[in-house]
Amino acid sequence: MTTTLRTVAIDVVGQYNAAGKHLLNAWRTGAGRVIGGAGERYADAVGISALPFVNEELKARLVGAQEKVTGFLSTRLASDTAFTEKLMDSVAERTTGGIQYVADASQRVNSDIGTSVLNTLQALHLPFAQLSLKVAEKIAEGAGKIEARVAGSDKAESDAAAPVRAKPVRRASRAVGKA
């Protein structure tokens, strides 16, 4: 597969989407631990400590109320992060579609001057685009390591180190300037 500005730009979008998902998963895991830990500590504090004027029934009701709050927060965390992940995917898909649209439009240039200008721009900007892709890959790799560290998983860290590549768009490609 030849490297073009389109393919590099689509890969950059994919890398940043992957980095965002790694950070979102790290947030989900960390926030879930905070919610669960707070609920456990509350239940322990109510159950163990000798609260004056509080009988066992009231303690059980307090713990039950705390469990409901913890359950509600956990449910909201799961649904909100799932919504955010879908939103991130939607933005990445729309961005990739826009890149593809512009690339397709540039292929419809029929004049020799236009083709020459597009080829020159491609040659000038491709090295910078490739550098941007390398930066995006490092960011995605670092975000994956953060996710793995929060999750406490060695396997997730090795999986996160693999760069994510966008799937190629299945369309008939034409050389720039050919109709």
N, C-alpha and C. Protein backbone atom coordinates (compact mmCIF):
# COMPACT_ATOMS: atom_id res chain seq x y z
N MET A 1 0.85 -1.18 0.00
CA MET A 1 0.00 0.00 0.00
C MET A 1 0.89 1.23 0.00
N THR A 2 0.61 2.16 -0.91
CA THR A 2 1.41 3.37 -0.98
C THR A 2 0.99 4.33 0.11
N THR A 3 1.98 5.06 0.60
CA THR A 3 1.72 6.04 1.65
C THR A 3 1.32 7.35 1.01
N THR A 4 0.15 7.82 1.37
CA THR A 4 -0.34 9.11 0.88
C THR A 4 -0.77 9.94 2.06
N LEU A 5 -1.01 11.20 1.80
CA LEU A 5 -1.51 12.06 2.89
C LEU A 5 -2.81 11.51 3.45
N ARG A 6 -3.66 10.97 2.58
CA ARG A 6 -4.94 10.41 3.03
C ARG A 6 -4.72 9.26 4.00
N THR A 7 -3.86 8.30 3.64
CA THR A 7 -3.66 7.14 4.50
C THR A 7 -3.01 7.54 5.82
N VAL A 8 -2.06 8.47 5.75
CA VAL A 8 -1.40 8.92 6.98
C VAL A 8 -2.40 9.66 7.87
N ALA A 9 -3.20 10.54 7.28
CA ALA A 9 -4.18 11.29 8.07
C ALA A 9 -5.21 10.37 8.72
N ILE A 10 -5.64 9.37 7.99
CA ILE A 10 -6.59 8.41 8.56
C ILE A 10 -5.94 7.62 9.70
N ASP A 11 -4.68 7.25 9.54
CA ASP A 11 -3.97 6.55 10.62
C ASP A 11 -3.81 7.44 11.84
N VAL A 12 -3.55 8.74 11.63
CA VAL A 12 -3.42 9.67 12.76
C VAL A 12 -4.74 9.75 13.53
N VAL A 13 -5.84 9.84 12.81
CA VAL A 13 -7.16 9.87 13.46
C VAL A 13 -7.38 8.59 14.27
N GLY A 14 -7.00 7.46 13.69
CA GLY A 14 -7.14 6.18 14.40
C GLY A 14 -6.29 6.12 15.66
N GLN A 15 -5.07 6.65 15.60
CA GLN A 15 -4.19 6.65 16.77
C GLN A 15 -4.76 7.52 17.89
N TYR A 16 -5.23 8.71 17.53
CA TYR A 16 -5.79 9.58 18.57
C TYR A 16 -7.09 9.01 19.14
N ASN A 17 -7.87 8.34 18.33
CA ASN A 17 -9.08 7.68 18.83
C ASN A 17 -8.69 6.57 19.80
N ALA A 18 -7.67 5.80 19.45
CA ALA A 18 -7.20 4.73 20.34
C ALA A 18 -6.67 5.31 21.65
N ALA A 19 -5.92 6.42 21.56
CA ALA A 19 -5.40 7.05 22.78
C ALA A 19 -6.55 7.52 23.67
N GLY A 20 -7.55 8.12 23.06
CA GLY A 20 -8.71 8.57 23.83
C GLY A 20 -9.42 7.41 24.52
N LYS A 21 -9.54 6.30 23.82
CA LYS A 21 -10.20 5.13 24.41
C LYS A 21 -9.37 4.55 25.56
N HIS A 22 -8.04 4.53 25.41
CA HIS A 22 -7.20 4.05 26.51
C HIS A 22 -7.39 4.93 27.75
N LEU A 23 -7.40 6.24 27.55
CA LEU A 23 -7.58 7.15 28.68
C LEU A 23 -8.98 7.02 29.28
N LEU A 24 -9.98 6.83 28.43
CA LEU A 24 -11.34 6.64 28.92
C LEU A 24 -11.44 5.36 29.75
N ASN A 25 -10.82 4.28 29.28
CA ASN A 25 -10.83 3.03 30.04
C ASN A 25 -10.09 3.16 31.36
N ALA A 26 -9.00 3.92 31.36
CA ALA A 26 -8.28 4.16 32.62
C ALA A 26 -9.17 4.94 33.58
N TRP A 27 -9.87 5.93 33.06
CA TRP A 27 -10.80 6.71 33.90
C TRP A 27 -11.90 5.81 34.44
N ARG A 28 -12.48 4.98 33.59
CA ARG A 28 -13.56 4.08 34.00
C ARG A 28 -13.09 3.16 35.12
N THR A 29 -11.90 2.58 34.96
CA THR A 29 -11.37 1.66 35.97
C THR A 29 -11.09 2.38 37.28
N GLY A 30 -10.43 3.53 37.19
CA GLY A 30 -10.10 4.29 38.40
C GLY A 30 -11.33 4.79 39.14
N ALA A 31 -12.27 5.35 38.39
CA ALA A 31 -13.50 5.84 39.02
C ALA A 31 -14.31 4.70 39.62
N GLY A 32 -14.31 3.55 38.94
CA GLY A 32 -15.01 2.38 39.49
C GLY A 32 -14.39 1.93 40.81
N ARG A 33 -13.08 1.99 40.89
CA ARG A 33 -12.42 1.63 42.15
C ARG A 33 -12.77 2.61 43.25
N VAL A 34 -12.79 3.89 42.92
CA VAL A 34 -13.13 4.91 43.93
C VAL A 34 -14.55 4.68 44.44
N ILE A 35 -15.48 4.46 43.53
CA ILE A 35 -16.88 4.25 43.93
C ILE A 35 -17.01 3.00 44.79
N GLY A 36 -16.41 1.90 44.34
CA GLY A 36 -16.49 0.66 45.10
C GLY A 36 -15.80 0.75 46.45
N GLY A 37 -14.64 1.40 46.47
CA GLY A 37 -13.89 1.53 47.72
C GLY A 37 -14.61 2.40 48.73
N ALA A 38 -15.24 3.47 48.26
CA ALA A 38 -15.98 4.35 49.17
C ALA A 38 -17.17 3.60 49.78
N GLY A 39 -17.84 2.81 48.95
CA GLY A 39 -18.98 2.03 49.46
C GLY A 39 -18.54 1.01 50.49
N GLU A 40 -17.43 0.34 50.24
CA GLU A 40 -16.92 -0.65 51.19
C GLU A 40 -16.50 0.00 52.50
N ARG A 41 -15.79 1.13 52.40
CA ARG A 41 -15.35 1.81 53.63
C ARG A 41 -16.53 2.31 54.43
N TYR A 42 -17.57 2.79 53.76
CA TYR A 42 -18.77 3.25 54.47
C TYR A 42 -19.43 2.09 55.21
N ALA A 43 -19.58 0.98 54.50
CA ALA A 43 -20.21 -0.19 55.13
C ALA A 43 -19.38 -0.67 56.31
N ASP A 44 -18.07 -0.67 56.17
CA ASP A 44 -17.20 -1.08 57.27
C ASP A 44 -17.32 -0.11 58.46
N ALA A 45 -17.36 1.18 58.17
CA ALA A 45 -17.45 2.18 59.23
C ALA A 45 -18.76 2.07 59.99
N VAL A 46 -19.84 1.87 59.28
CA VAL A 46 -21.15 1.76 59.94
C VAL A 46 -21.26 0.45 60.70
N GLY A 47 -20.75 -0.61 60.11
CA GLY A 47 -20.88 -1.93 60.73
C GLY A 47 -19.96 -2.15 61.90
N ILE A 48 -18.75 -1.61 61.85
CA ILE A 48 -17.76 -1.89 62.89
C ILE A 48 -17.85 -0.91 64.04
N SER A 49 -17.96 0.35 63.72
CA SER A 49 -17.89 1.35 64.78
C SER A 49 -19.13 1.28 65.68
N ALA A 50 -18.89 1.62 66.89
CA ALA A 50 -19.97 1.63 67.87
C ALA A 50 -20.64 3.00 67.82
N LEU A 51 -21.67 3.09 66.99
CA LEU A 51 -22.40 4.35 66.88
C LEU A 51 -23.44 4.41 68.00
N PRO A 52 -23.35 5.41 68.84
CA PRO A 52 -24.33 5.50 69.93
C PRO A 52 -25.73 5.79 69.36
N PHE A 53 -26.69 5.22 69.96
CA PHE A 53 -28.10 5.41 69.63
C PHE A 53 -28.47 4.88 68.23
N VAL A 54 -27.69 3.97 67.70
CA VAL A 54 -27.98 3.39 66.39
C VAL A 54 -28.07 1.88 66.56
N ASN A 55 -29.25 1.34 66.28
CA ASN A 55 -29.42 -0.11 66.41
C ASN A 55 -29.01 -0.81 65.11
N GLU A 56 -29.05 -2.11 65.11
CA GLU A 56 -28.62 -2.90 63.95
C GLU A 56 -29.51 -2.67 62.74
N GLU A 57 -30.79 -2.49 62.96
CA GLU A 57 -31.71 -2.26 61.84
C GLU A 57 -31.36 -0.97 61.12
N LEU A 58 -31.09 0.08 61.87
CA LEU A 58 -30.74 1.36 61.27
C LEU A 58 -29.40 1.27 60.53
N LYS A 59 -28.45 0.54 61.13
CA LYS A 59 -27.15 0.33 60.46
C LYS A 59 -27.36 -0.38 59.13
N ALA A 60 -28.20 -1.40 59.12
CA ALA A 60 -28.47 -2.14 57.89
C ALA A 60 -29.13 -1.24 56.85
N ARG A 61 -30.03 -0.36 57.28
CA ARG A 61 -30.68 0.55 56.36
C ARG A 61 -29.70 1.58 55.80
N LEU A 62 -28.77 2.05 56.64
CA LEU A 62 -27.75 2.97 56.17
C LEU A 62 -26.84 2.32 55.12
N VAL A 63 -26.44 1.08 55.41
CA VAL A 63 -25.60 0.35 54.46
C VAL A 63 -26.37 0.09 53.16
N GLY A 64 -27.65 -0.25 53.27
CA GLY A 64 -28.48 -0.48 52.09
C GLY A 64 -28.61 0.79 51.25
N ALA A 65 -28.78 1.92 51.91
CA ALA A 65 -28.86 3.19 51.18
C ALA A 65 -27.55 3.49 50.47
N GLN A 66 -26.45 3.24 51.16
CA GLN A 66 -25.15 3.45 50.54
C GLN A 66 -24.95 2.53 49.34
N GLU A 67 -25.39 1.29 49.43
CA GLU A 67 -25.27 0.35 48.32
C GLU A 67 -26.09 0.81 47.13
N LYS A 68 -27.26 1.41 47.38
CA LYS A 68 -28.06 1.95 46.29
C LYS A 68 -27.34 3.11 45.60
N VAL A 69 -26.75 3.98 46.40
CA VAL A 69 -26.00 5.11 45.83
C VAL A 69 -24.82 4.60 45.03
N THR A 70 -24.09 3.64 45.58
CA THR A 70 -22.95 3.06 44.87
C THR A 70 -23.39 2.40 43.58
N GLY A 71 -24.49 1.67 43.61
CA GLY A 71 -25.01 1.03 42.41
C GLY A 71 -25.41 2.05 41.36
N PHE A 72 -26.06 3.13 41.79
CA PHE A 72 -26.46 4.19 40.87
C PHE A 72 -25.23 4.82 40.22
N LEU A 73 -24.22 5.14 41.03
CA LEU A 73 -23.01 5.76 40.50
C LEU A 73 -22.27 4.82 39.54
N SER A 74 -22.24 3.56 39.89
CA SER A 74 -21.58 2.58 39.00
C SER A 74 -22.31 2.46 37.68
N THR A 75 -23.62 2.44 37.73
CA THR A 75 -24.43 2.37 36.51
C THR A 75 -24.21 3.61 35.65
N ARG A 76 -24.21 4.79 36.27
CA ARG A 76 -23.99 6.03 35.53
C ARG A 76 -22.59 6.06 34.92
N LEU A 77 -21.61 5.60 35.68
CA LEU A 77 -20.24 5.56 35.16
C LEU A 77 -20.18 4.68 33.91
N ALA A 78 -20.78 3.51 33.99
CA ALA A 78 -20.75 2.59 32.85
C ALA A 78 -21.48 3.18 31.64
N SER A 79 -22.66 3.74 31.85
CA SER A 79 -23.42 4.27 30.71
C SER A 79 -22.78 5.54 30.14
N ASP A 80 -22.25 6.40 31.00
CA ASP A 80 -21.63 7.63 30.50
C ASP A 80 -20.34 7.35 29.74
N THR A 81 -19.54 6.42 30.22
CA THR A 81 -18.31 6.10 29.50
C THR A 81 -18.62 5.35 28.20
N ALA A 82 -19.65 4.52 28.19
CA ALA A 82 -20.04 3.85 26.95
C ALA A 82 -20.52 4.87 25.92
N PHE A 83 -21.29 5.86 26.37
CA PHE A 83 -21.75 6.93 25.48
C PHE A 83 -20.56 7.72 24.95
N THR A 84 -19.62 8.03 25.81
CA THR A 84 -18.44 8.78 25.39
C THR A 84 -17.63 8.00 24.36
N GLU A 85 -17.50 6.70 24.57
CA GLU A 85 -16.77 5.87 23.62
C GLU A 85 -17.45 5.86 22.24
N LYS A 86 -18.78 5.76 22.24
CA LYS A 86 -19.52 5.81 20.97
C LYS A 86 -19.35 7.17 20.29
N LEU A 87 -19.36 8.23 21.09
CA LEU A 87 -19.18 9.57 20.56
C LEU A 87 -17.79 9.72 19.95
N MET A 88 -16.78 9.20 20.62
CA MET A 88 -15.41 9.25 20.08
C MET A 88 -15.32 8.50 18.76
N ASP A 89 -15.94 7.33 18.68
CA ASP A 89 -15.95 6.56 17.44
C ASP A 89 -16.66 7.32 16.32
N SER A 90 -17.76 7.96 16.66
CA SER A 90 -18.52 8.72 15.67
C SER A 90 -17.69 9.89 15.13
N VAL A 91 -17.01 10.60 16.02
CA VAL A 91 -16.16 11.72 15.58
C VAL A 91 -15.04 11.20 14.69
N ALA A 92 -14.42 10.09 15.08
CA ALA A 92 -13.33 9.52 14.27
C ALA A 92 -13.85 9.09 12.89
N GLU A 93 -15.02 8.46 12.86
CA GLU A 93 -15.58 8.03 11.57
C GLU A 93 -15.91 9.22 10.68
N ARG A 94 -16.48 10.26 11.26
CA ARG A 94 -16.83 11.44 10.46
C ARG A 94 -15.56 12.15 9.97
N THR A 95 -14.56 12.20 10.81
CA THR A 95 -13.30 12.83 10.41
C THR A 95 -12.65 12.03 9.29
N THR A 96 -12.63 10.71 9.44
CA THR A 96 -12.08 9.86 8.39
C THR A 96 -12.87 10.01 7.09
N GLY A 97 -14.18 10.10 7.20
CA GLY A 97 -15.01 10.32 6.01
C GLY A 97 -14.70 11.65 5.34
N GLY A 98 -14.47 12.68 6.13
CA GLY A 98 -14.10 13.98 5.58
C GLY A 98 -12.76 13.94 4.86
N ILE A 99 -11.81 13.26 5.46
CA ILE A 99 -10.50 13.10 4.82
C ILE A 99 -10.66 12.36 3.49
N GLN A 100 -11.44 11.30 3.51
CA GLN A 100 -11.66 10.52 2.29
C GLN A 100 -12.36 11.37 1.23
N TYR A 101 -13.31 12.18 1.64
CA TYR A 101 -14.04 13.04 0.70
C TYR A 101 -13.09 14.03 0.02
N VAL A 102 -12.23 14.67 0.81
CA VAL A 102 -11.28 15.63 0.26
C VAL A 102 -10.30 14.92 -0.68
N ALA A 103 -9.83 13.73 -0.28
CA ALA A 103 -8.91 12.98 -1.14
C ALA A 103 -9.58 12.60 -2.46
N ASP A 104 -10.82 12.16 -2.38
CA ASP A 104 -11.55 11.81 -3.60
C ASP A 104 -11.75 13.04 -4.49
N ALA A 105 -12.06 14.18 -3.86
CA ALA A 105 -12.26 15.41 -4.64
C ALA A 105 -10.97 15.83 -5.32
N SER A 106 -9.85 15.66 -4.64
CA SER A 106 -8.57 16.06 -5.25
C SER A 106 -8.20 15.15 -6.41
N GLN A 107 -8.70 13.93 -6.42
CA GLN A 107 -8.41 13.02 -7.52
C GLN A 107 -9.19 13.37 -8.79
N ARG A 108 -10.18 14.21 -8.66
CA ARG A 108 -10.98 14.60 -9.82
C ARG A 108 -10.38 15.81 -10.57
N VAL A 109 -9.24 16.27 -10.11
CA VAL A 109 -8.59 17.38 -10.78
C VAL A 109 -8.11 16.89 -12.14
N ASN A 110 -8.48 17.59 -13.20
CA ASN A 110 -8.18 17.13 -14.55
C ASN A 110 -7.09 17.94 -15.25
N SER A 111 -6.75 19.09 -14.74
CA SER A 111 -5.77 19.92 -15.43
C SER A 111 -4.35 19.52 -15.05
N ASP A 112 -3.44 19.73 -15.96
CA ASP A 112 -2.03 19.41 -15.70
C ASP A 112 -1.46 20.27 -14.58
N ILE A 113 -1.84 21.54 -14.56
CA ILE A 113 -1.35 22.45 -13.52
C ILE A 113 -1.88 22.01 -12.16
N GLY A 114 -3.17 21.69 -12.08
CA GLY A 114 -3.76 21.24 -10.81
C GLY A 114 -3.11 19.97 -10.31
N THR A 115 -2.87 19.04 -11.21
CA THR A 115 -2.22 17.78 -10.84
C THR A 115 -0.81 18.03 -10.34
N SER A 116 -0.10 18.91 -11.02
CA SER A 116 1.26 19.25 -10.60
C SER A 116 1.27 19.89 -9.22
N VAL A 117 0.34 20.79 -8.97
CA VAL A 117 0.25 21.45 -7.65
C VAL A 117 -0.07 20.42 -6.56
N LEU A 118 -1.02 19.54 -6.83
CA LEU A 118 -1.39 18.52 -5.84
C LEU A 118 -0.23 17.58 -5.55
N ASN A 119 0.50 17.17 -6.59
CA ASN A 119 1.65 16.30 -6.37
C ASN A 119 2.75 16.99 -5.57
N THR A 120 2.96 18.28 -5.85
CA THR A 120 3.96 19.05 -5.10
C THR A 120 3.55 19.19 -3.64
N LEU A 121 2.28 19.50 -3.40
CA LEU A 121 1.78 19.62 -2.02
C LEU A 121 1.91 18.28 -1.29
N GLN A 122 1.60 17.21 -1.98
CA GLN A 122 1.72 15.86 -1.39
C GLN A 122 3.17 15.63 -0.98
N ALA A 123 4.10 15.92 -1.88
CA ALA A 123 5.52 15.68 -1.60
C ALA A 123 6.02 16.56 -0.45
N LEU A 124 5.53 17.78 -0.37
CA LEU A 124 5.97 18.68 0.70
C LEU A 124 5.41 18.31 2.06
N HIS A 125 4.15 17.92 2.09
CA HIS A 125 3.48 17.71 3.38
C HIS A 125 3.55 16.28 3.91
N LEU A 126 3.86 15.32 3.07
CA LEU A 126 3.90 13.93 3.52
C LEU A 126 4.89 13.69 4.66
N PRO A 127 6.11 14.23 4.62
CA PRO A 127 7.02 14.00 5.76
C PRO A 127 6.48 14.54 7.09
N PHE A 128 5.83 15.69 7.02
CA PHE A 128 5.25 16.25 8.25
C PHE A 128 4.08 15.42 8.74
N ALA A 129 3.30 14.91 7.81
CA ALA A 129 2.18 14.04 8.18
C ALA A 129 2.69 12.75 8.81
N GLN A 130 3.77 12.20 8.26
CA GLN A 130 4.35 10.98 8.83
C GLN A 130 4.92 11.24 10.22
N LEU A 131 5.52 12.40 10.43
CA LEU A 131 6.00 12.76 11.76
C LEU A 131 4.82 12.88 12.73
N SER A 132 3.74 13.49 12.28
CA SER A 132 2.54 13.59 13.10
C SER A 132 2.00 12.22 13.46
N LEU A 133 2.07 11.29 12.52
CA LEU A 133 1.62 9.92 12.80
C LEU A 133 2.49 9.27 13.86
N LYS A 134 3.79 9.46 13.80
CA LYS A 134 4.69 8.89 14.81
C LYS A 134 4.39 9.47 16.20
N VAL A 135 4.10 10.76 16.26
CA VAL A 135 3.72 11.38 17.53
C VAL A 135 2.42 10.77 18.04
N ALA A 136 1.45 10.61 17.16
CA ALA A 136 0.16 10.03 17.54
C ALA A 136 0.34 8.60 18.03
N GLU A 137 1.22 7.83 17.37
CA GLU A 137 1.47 6.46 17.80
C GLU A 137 2.06 6.43 19.21
N LYS A 138 2.99 7.34 19.50
CA LYS A 138 3.61 7.40 20.83
C LYS A 138 2.58 7.80 21.88
N ILE A 139 1.71 8.72 21.53
CA ILE A 139 0.66 9.14 22.47
C ILE A 139 -0.29 7.98 22.75
N ALA A 140 -0.68 7.26 21.70
CA ALA A 140 -1.57 6.11 21.89
C ALA A 140 -0.88 5.03 22.72
N GLU A 141 0.40 4.82 22.47
CA GLU A 141 1.16 3.83 23.24
C GLU A 141 1.23 4.23 24.71
N GLY A 142 1.52 5.51 24.97
CA GLY A 142 1.58 5.99 26.35
C GLY A 142 0.23 5.91 27.05
N ALA A 143 -0.83 6.24 26.33
CA ALA A 143 -2.17 6.15 26.91
C ALA A 143 -2.52 4.70 27.22
N GLY A 144 -2.07 3.78 26.36
CA GLY A 144 -2.29 2.36 26.62
C GLY A 144 -1.55 1.90 27.87
N LYS A 145 -0.36 2.43 28.07
CA LYS A 145 0.39 2.08 29.28
C LYS A 145 -0.28 2.63 30.53
N ILE A 146 -0.85 3.82 30.41
CA ILE A 146 -1.60 4.38 31.55
C ILE A 146 -2.80 3.50 31.86
N GLU A 147 -3.52 3.09 30.82
CA GLU A 147 -4.68 2.22 31.02
C GLU A 147 -4.26 0.91 31.70
N ALA A 148 -3.16 0.33 31.21
CA ALA A 148 -2.68 -0.94 31.77
C ALA A 148 -2.25 -0.76 33.23
N ARG A 149 -1.63 0.35 33.51
CA ARG A 149 -1.17 0.59 34.89
C ARG A 149 -2.36 0.74 35.83
N VAL A 150 -3.36 1.47 35.40
CA VAL A 150 -4.56 1.64 36.24
C VAL A 150 -5.26 0.30 36.43
N ALA A 151 -5.31 -0.49 35.35
CA ALA A 151 -5.97 -1.79 35.42
C ALA A 151 -5.12 -2.81 36.19
N GLY A 152 -3.81 -2.54 36.31
CA GLY A 152 -2.93 -3.46 37.02
C GLY A 152 -2.66 -4.71 36.23
N SER A 153 -2.61 -4.59 34.91
CA SER A 153 -2.46 -5.75 34.05
C SER A 153 -1.20 -5.64 33.22
N ASP A 154 -0.37 -6.69 33.24
CA ASP A 154 0.82 -6.74 32.40
C ASP A 154 0.45 -7.04 30.97
N LYS A 155 -0.57 -7.86 30.75
CA LYS A 155 -1.00 -8.23 29.40
C LYS A 155 -1.54 -7.00 28.68
N ALA A 156 -2.32 -6.20 29.36
CA ALA A 156 -2.89 -5.01 28.72
C ALA A 156 -1.79 -4.06 28.28
N GLU A 157 -0.70 -4.01 29.03
CA GLU A 157 0.40 -3.13 28.66
C GLU A 157 1.06 -3.59 27.37
N SER A 158 1.24 -4.90 27.21
CA SER A 158 1.84 -5.38 25.97
C SER A 158 0.89 -5.22 24.79
N ASP A 159 -0.42 -5.35 25.01
CA ASP A 159 -1.39 -5.13 23.94
C ASP A 159 -1.44 -3.66 23.55
N ALA A 160 -1.28 -2.78 24.54
CA ALA A 160 -1.38 -1.35 24.27
C ALA A 160 -0.19 -0.85 23.46
N ALA A 161 0.93 -1.55 23.50
CA ALA A 161 2.11 -1.09 22.80
C ALA A 161 1.98 -1.27 21.29
N ALA A 162 1.10 -2.15 20.84
CA ALA A 162 0.94 -2.37 19.40
C ALA A 162 0.20 -1.19 18.78
N PRO A 163 0.77 -0.60 17.72
CA PRO A 163 0.09 0.55 17.11
C PRO A 163 -1.21 0.12 16.44
N VAL A 164 -2.18 0.99 16.47
CA VAL A 164 -3.47 0.73 15.87
C VAL A 164 -3.46 1.32 14.47
N ARG A 165 -3.86 0.55 13.51
CA ARG A 165 -3.92 1.03 12.12
C ARG A 165 -5.38 1.11 11.70
N ALA A 166 -5.70 2.17 11.02
CA ALA A 166 -7.06 2.31 10.50
C ALA A 166 -7.24 1.32 9.36
N LYS A 167 -8.46 0.82 9.23
CA LYS A 167 -8.77 -0.11 8.15
C LYS A 167 -8.85 0.67 6.85
N PRO A 168 -8.24 0.14 5.78
CA PRO A 168 -8.28 0.87 4.52
C PRO A 168 -9.70 0.92 3.97
N VAL A 169 -10.00 2.02 3.33
CA VAL A 169 -11.31 2.20 2.74
C VAL A 169 -11.34 1.42 1.43
N ARG A 170 -12.39 0.66 1.22
CA ARG A 170 -12.52 -0.18 0.03
C ARG A 170 -13.17 0.62 -1.09
N ARG A 171 -12.38 1.33 -1.85
CA ARG A 171 -12.89 2.08 -3.00
C ARG A 171 -11.86 1.94 -4.12
N ALA A 172 -12.36 2.06 -5.30
CA ALA A 172 -11.45 2.04 -6.45
C ALA A 172 -10.66 3.34 -6.42
N SER A 173 -9.35 3.23 -6.38
CA SER A 173 -8.54 4.43 -6.34
C SER A 173 -8.05 4.78 -7.74
N ARG A 174 -7.95 6.04 -7.98
CA ARG A 174 -7.43 6.53 -9.25
C ARG A 174 -6.20 7.36 -8.97
N ALA A 175 -5.27 7.33 -9.87
CA ALA A 175 -4.07 8.15 -9.73
C ALA A 175 -4.48 9.61 -9.85
N VAL A 176 -3.79 10.50 -9.16
CA VAL A 176 -4.10 11.91 -9.21
C VAL A 176 -3.94 12.41 -10.63
N GLY A 177 -4.96 13.07 -11.12
CA GLY A 177 -4.89 13.67 -12.44
C GLY A 177 -5.49 12.80 -13.54
N LYS A 178 -5.76 11.54 -13.26
CA LYS A 178 -6.39 10.67 -14.26
C LYS A 178 -7.89 10.67 -14.06
N ALA A 179 -8.64 10.72 -15.11
CA ALA A 179 -10.09 10.78 -15.02
C ALA A 179 -10.71 9.43 -15.09
